[in-house]
C-alpha atoms as a PDB file:
ATOM      1  CA  UNK A   1     185.061-133.074  19.908  1.00  0.00           C
ATOM      2  CA  UNK A   2     183.456-132.273  23.276  1.00  0.00           C
ATOM      3  CA  UNK A   3     183.810-128.802  24.748  1.00  0.00           C
ATOM      4  CA  UNK A   4     185.836-128.271  27.890  1.00  0.00           C
ATOM      5  CA  UNK A   5     182.637-127.950  29.923  1.00  0.00           C
ATOM      6  CA  UNK A   6     181.398-131.275  28.536  1.00  0.00           C
ATOM      7  CA  UNK A   7     184.757-132.869  29.409  1.00  0.00           C
ATOM      8  CA  UNK A   8     184.383-131.541  32.957  1.00  0.00           C
ATOM      9  CA  UNK A   9     180.830-132.907  33.135  1.00  0.00           C
ATOM     10  CA  UNK A  10     182.100-136.321  31.991  1.00  0.00           C
ATOM     11  CA  UNK A  11     184.940-136.230  34.524  1.00  0.00           C
ATOM     12  CA  UNK A  12     182.483-135.400  37.284  1.00  0.00           C
ATOM     13  CA  UNK A  13     180.114-138.194  36.210  1.00  0.00           C
ATOM     14  CA  UNK A  14     182.958-140.722  36.167  1.00  0.00           C
ATOM     15  CA  UNK A  15     184.202-139.565  39.553  1.00  0.00           C
ATOM     16  CA  UNK A  16     180.710-140.024  40.997  1.00  0.00           C
ATOM     17  CA  UNK A  17     180.115-143.275  39.099  1.00  0.00           C
ATOM     18  CA  UNK A  18     177.085-141.884  37.236  1.00  0.00           C
ATOM     19  CA  UNK A  19     176.122-142.218  33.578  1.00  0.00           C
ATOM     20  CA  UNK A  20     175.104-138.564  33.385  1.00  0.00           C
ATOM     21  CA  UNK A  21     174.531-135.642  35.716  1.00  0.00           C
ATOM     22  CA  UNK A  22     171.979-132.838  35.390  1.00  0.00           C
ATOM     23  CA  UNK A  23     172.982-129.229  36.042  1.00  0.00           C
ATOM     24  CA  UNK A  24     170.468-128.885  38.873  1.00  0.00           C
ATOM     25  CA  UNK A  25     171.944-131.853  40.777  1.00  0.00           C
ATOM     26  CA  UNK A  26     173.347-130.762  44.136  1.00  0.00           C
ATOM     27  CA  UNK A  27     176.997-131.665  44.608  1.00  0.00           C
ATOM     28  CA  UNK A  28     176.185-133.090  48.048  1.00  0.00           C
ATOM     29  CA  UNK A  29     173.606-135.395  46.402  1.00  0.00           C
ATOM     30  CA  UNK A  30     176.481-136.871  44.420  1.00  0.00           C
ATOM     31  CA  UNK A  31     178.259-137.685  47.670  1.00  0.00           C
ATOM     32  CA  UNK A  32     180.728-134.818  47.287  1.00  0.00           C
ATOM     33  CA  UNK A  33     181.652-132.941  50.428  1.00  0.00           C
ATOM     34  CA  UNK A  34     183.446-129.598  50.510  1.00  0.00           C
ATOM     35  CA  UNK A  35     186.879-131.251  50.458  1.00  0.00           C
ATOM     36  CA  UNK A  36     185.930-133.254  47.353  1.00  0.00           C
ATOM     37  CA  UNK A  37     184.834-130.041  45.615  1.00  0.00           C
ATOM     38  CA  UNK A  38     188.086-128.292  46.547  1.00  0.00           C
ATOM     39  CA  UNK A  39     190.151-131.221  45.264  1.00  0.00           C
ATOM     40  CA  UNK A  40     188.204-131.285  42.013  1.00  0.00           C
ATOM     41  CA  UNK A  41     188.656-127.539  41.522  1.00  0.00           C
ATOM     42  CA  UNK A  42     192.388-127.874  42.187  1.00  0.00           C
ATOM     43  CA  UNK A  43     192.512-130.524  39.458  1.00  0.00           C
ATOM     44  CA  UNK A  44     190.677-128.150  37.087  1.00  0.00           C
ATOM     45  CA  UNK A  45     193.106-125.356  38.007  1.00  0.00           C
ATOM     46  CA  UNK A  46     196.061-127.558  37.083  1.00  0.00           C
ATOM     47  CA  UNK A  47     194.504-128.924  33.917  1.00  0.00           C
ATOM     48  CA  UNK A  48     192.994-125.720  32.525  1.00  0.00           C
ATOM     49  CA  UNK A  49     195.211-122.970  33.968  1.00  0.00           C
ATOM     50  CA  UNK A  50     192.424-121.266  35.938  1.00  0.00           C
ATOM     51  CA  UNK A  51     192.203-120.179  39.573  1.00  0.00           C
ATOM     52  CA  UNK A  52     189.329-120.455  42.013  1.00  0.00           C
ATOM     53  CA  UNK A  53     189.183-118.114  44.987  1.00  0.00           C
ATOM     54  CA  UNK A  54     188.398-119.723  48.345  1.00  0.00           C
ATOM     55  CA  UNK A  55     185.150-117.759  48.678  1.00  0.00           C
ATOM     56  CA  UNK A  56     184.006-118.996  45.258  1.00  0.00           C
ATOM     57  CA  UNK A  57     184.359-122.613  46.285  1.00  0.00           C
ATOM     58  CA  UNK A  58     181.780-122.158  49.038  1.00  0.00           C
ATOM     59  CA  UNK A  59     179.285-120.834  46.476  1.00  0.00           C
ATOM     60  CA  UNK A  60     179.366-124.026  44.404  1.00  0.00           C
ATOM     61  CA  UNK A  61     176.217-125.922  45.355  1.00  0.00           C
ATOM     62  CA  UNK A  62     175.142-127.653  42.124  1.00  0.00           C
ATOM     63  CA  UNK A  63     176.746-129.190  39.070  1.00  0.00           C
ATOM     64  CA  UNK A  64     175.514-126.175  37.105  1.00  0.00           C
ATOM     65  CA  UNK A  65     177.221-123.795  39.543  1.00  0.00           C
ATOM     66  CA  UNK A  66     180.508-125.628  39.098  1.00  0.00           C
ATOM     67  CA  UNK A  67     180.233-125.740  35.320  1.00  0.00           C
ATOM     68  CA  UNK A  68     179.174-122.090  35.005  1.00  0.00           C
ATOM     69  CA  UNK A  69     181.981-120.861  37.262  1.00  0.00           C
ATOM     70  CA  UNK A  70     184.548-122.961  35.418  1.00  0.00           C
ATOM     71  CA  UNK A  71     183.260-121.843  32.015  1.00  0.00           C
ATOM     72  CA  UNK A  72     183.420-118.175  33.088  1.00  0.00           C
ATOM     73  CA  UNK A  73     186.995-118.632  34.239  1.00  0.00           C
ATOM     74  CA  UNK A  74     187.953-120.371  30.985  1.00  0.00           C
ATOM     75  CA  UNK A  75     186.395-117.530  28.970  1.00  0.00           C
ATOM     76  CA  UNK A  76     188.394-115.021  31.001  1.00  0.00           C
ATOM     77  CA  UNK A  77     191.641-116.790  30.163  1.00  0.00           C
ATOM     78  CA  UNK A  78     191.190-116.570  26.399  1.00  0.00           C
END
């Protein structure tokens, strides 16, 4: 069974119509603008019961940033 972070990676890949996505890939290189990132994070908030602060969203530049921030928030909720 895939971990939550792997599920998020898969969701992101599907959303961007990619087979796989490396952590160092910039979100903008996937065609995601700031609104797309906010919408995605809102989906993660609803699905996983976490909360992103507005300032944190601006810090998310790569896939790895998004996954690390989400994983840290999930760990804090346990």
